[in-house]
Protein backbone atom coordinates (compact mmCIF):
# COMPACT_ATOMS: atom_id res chain seq x y z
CA MET A 1 0.00 0.00 0.00
CA THR A 2 1.03 3.57 -0.48
CA SER A 3 1.77 5.84 2.44
CA SER A 4 -1.22 7.41 4.19
CA ARG A 5 0.88 10.45 5.15
CA PRO A 6 0.05 12.65 2.11
CA TYR A 7 -3.67 11.93 2.50
CA LEU A 8 -3.57 12.76 6.20
CA ILE A 9 -1.62 15.97 5.54
CA ARG A 10 -4.23 17.11 3.01
CA ALA A 11 -7.11 16.18 5.33
CA ILE A 12 -5.68 17.97 8.38
CA TYR A 13 -4.74 20.98 6.20
CA GLU A 14 -8.30 21.25 4.89
CA TRP A 15 -9.78 20.76 8.36
CA VAL A 16 -7.59 23.53 9.82
CA VAL A 17 -8.43 25.95 6.98
CA ASP A 18 -12.16 25.11 7.17
CA ASN A 19 -12.06 26.08 10.86
CA SER A 20 -10.48 29.48 10.09
CA GLN A 21 -7.16 28.51 11.67
CA THR A 22 -3.60 28.84 10.31
CA PRO A 23 -2.08 25.57 9.03
CA TYR A 24 1.58 25.02 9.86
CA LEU A 25 3.94 22.27 8.73
CA LEU A 26 6.86 21.11 10.87
CA VAL A 27 9.55 19.83 8.50
CA ASP A 28 12.77 17.86 9.04
CA ALA A 29 15.20 20.03 7.06
CA ASN A 30 18.21 17.71 7.53
CA ASP A 31 17.95 16.27 4.03
CA ALA A 32 19.38 17.55 0.75
CA SER A 33 16.01 16.96 -0.95
CA VAL A 34 14.34 19.60 1.27
CA GLN A 35 14.47 23.03 -0.36
CA VAL A 36 13.67 25.69 2.23
CA PRO A 37 15.36 28.94 3.26
CA HIS A 38 18.05 27.48 5.53
CA GLU A 39 18.54 30.70 7.47
CA TYR A 40 15.17 29.94 9.13
CA VAL A 41 16.06 26.34 10.07
CA GLN A 42 16.53 25.75 13.81
CA ASP A 43 17.76 22.46 15.26
CA GLY A 44 17.36 20.84 11.86
CA ARG A 45 13.68 21.76 11.64
CA ILE A 46 11.61 24.50 10.09
CA VAL A 47 8.02 25.56 10.71
CA LEU A 48 6.20 26.69 7.58
CA ASN A 49 2.99 28.73 7.47
CA VAL A 50 1.04 27.18 4.57
CA SER A 51 -2.16 29.19 4.90
CA PRO A 52 -3.78 30.25 1.62
CA SER A 53 -2.92 33.90 2.39
CA ALA A 54 0.77 33.11 3.02
CA VAL A 55 1.63 30.92 0.03
CA ALA A 56 1.04 30.78 -3.70
CA ALA A 57 0.70 27.73 -5.96
CA LEU A 58 0.43 25.28 -3.05
CA ASP A 59 0.68 21.67 -4.24
CA LEU A 60 0.01 19.04 -1.57
CA GLY A 61 1.02 16.06 -3.69
CA ASN A 62 1.54 12.41 -2.83
CA GLU A 63 5.34 12.62 -3.12
CA TYR A 64 6.12 16.25 -2.30
CA ILE A 65 4.71 19.58 -1.14
CA SER A 66 5.68 22.69 -3.06
CA PHE A 67 4.74 26.36 -2.98
CA SER A 68 6.04 29.90 -3.32
CA ALA A 69 6.26 32.18 -0.30
CA ARG A 70 8.01 35.28 0.97
CA PHE A 71 10.68 34.91 3.62
CA GLY A 72 12.02 38.18 4.98
CA GLY A 73 10.37 39.98 2.07
CA SER A 74 12.04 37.97 -0.71
CA PRO A 75 10.07 35.37 -2.71
CA GLN A 76 11.34 31.79 -2.58
CA GLU A 77 10.29 28.40 -3.88
CA VAL A 78 9.83 25.67 -1.27
CA PHE A 79 10.00 21.94 -2.00
CA VAL A 80 9.47 19.35 0.75
CA PRO A 81 9.22 15.59 0.25
CA VAL A 82 6.11 14.35 2.06
CA GLN A 83 8.20 11.92 4.14
CA ARG A 84 10.07 14.90 5.67
CA VAL A 85 6.85 16.41 7.10
CA MET A 86 6.92 15.75 10.84
CA ALA A 87 3.59 17.42 11.72
CA VAL A 88 0.68 19.44 10.37
CA TYR A 89 -1.25 21.51 12.89
CA ALA A 90 -3.14 24.72 13.63
CA ARG A 91 -1.02 27.58 14.94
CA GLU A 92 -3.76 28.90 17.18
CA ASN A 93 -4.41 25.78 19.27
CA GLY A 94 -1.80 23.20 18.24
CA GLN A 95 -4.41 20.68 17.11
CA GLY A 96 -3.32 18.46 14.26
CA MET A 97 -1.18 15.39 13.71
CA MET A 98 2.45 14.42 14.27
CA PHE A 99 4.13 11.72 12.20
CA THR A 100 6.89 9.29 13.09
CA GLU A 101 9.27 7.16 11.04
CA ASP A 102 6.90 4.25 11.77
CA ASP A 103 4.27 5.94 9.59
CA ASP A 104 6.22 5.01 6.46
CA PRO A 105 4.67 2.20 4.42
CA PRO A 106 6.14 -1.29 4.60
CA PRO A 107 8.16 -2.61 1.63
CA THR A 108 6.01 -3.39 -1.38
CA SER A 109 7.76 -6.57 -2.44
CA GLY A 110 8.54 -9.73 -0.55
CA PRO A 111 11.55 -12.03 -0.74
CA GLY A 112 10.61 -13.18 -4.25
CA GLY A 113 10.38 -9.61 -5.55
CA ASP A 114 7.00 -10.42 -7.09
CA GLY A 115 5.17 -7.49 -5.47
CA GLU A 116 3.56 -9.69 -2.83
CA THR A 117 4.55 -9.40 0.78
CA SER A 118 4.84 -12.39 3.06
CA PRO A 119 2.34 -12.54 5.91
CA PRO A 120 3.88 -11.87 9.32
CA ASP A 121 4.76 -14.81 11.52
CA ARG A 122 1.89 -15.57 13.87
CA PRO A 123 2.19 -17.10 17.30
CA ALA A 124 0.96 -20.64 17.82
CA GLY A 125 -1.97 -19.27 19.85
CA GLY A 126 -3.87 -18.12 16.75
CA PRO A 127 -4.17 -14.88 14.79
CA GLN A 128 -2.80 -11.68 16.24
CA ARG A 129 -5.20 -8.99 17.34
CA PRO A 130 -4.92 -5.56 15.73
CA THR A 131 -3.14 -2.91 17.76
CA LEU A 132 -3.65 0.82 18.00
CA LYS A 133 -0.97 3.46 18.51
CA VAL A 134 -1.63 6.72 20.38
CA VAL A 135 -0.69 9.76 18.27
CA LYS A 136 -0.21 12.98 20.18
């Protein structure tokens, strides 16, 4: 399956905007594929205001997020791979969603490379029960 991260980013973004809040993205900027103004990066991270009034040509794609924005008065192009987005949330109240490395999809091909994955090993006691993870 494909990653759910881009779909969740778009859904939370739309929810925040629909509630008249300001959507922010927290991005891991420690990757060469992330194109952001590095003078605004702190501790390897950058917070980006992606509200409709702050950006132009916003593209919340499945592989990357791109837009144009002004930083310190000068226009710049921003390009962020979706897997580098650490959180999407509302500035006003902090509500939104954080992502972890565990949110990445599993490999799409098994040992045979035929596109099928092997089922996980199950204990002798029967099928495993589904588990839920708390996201703060």
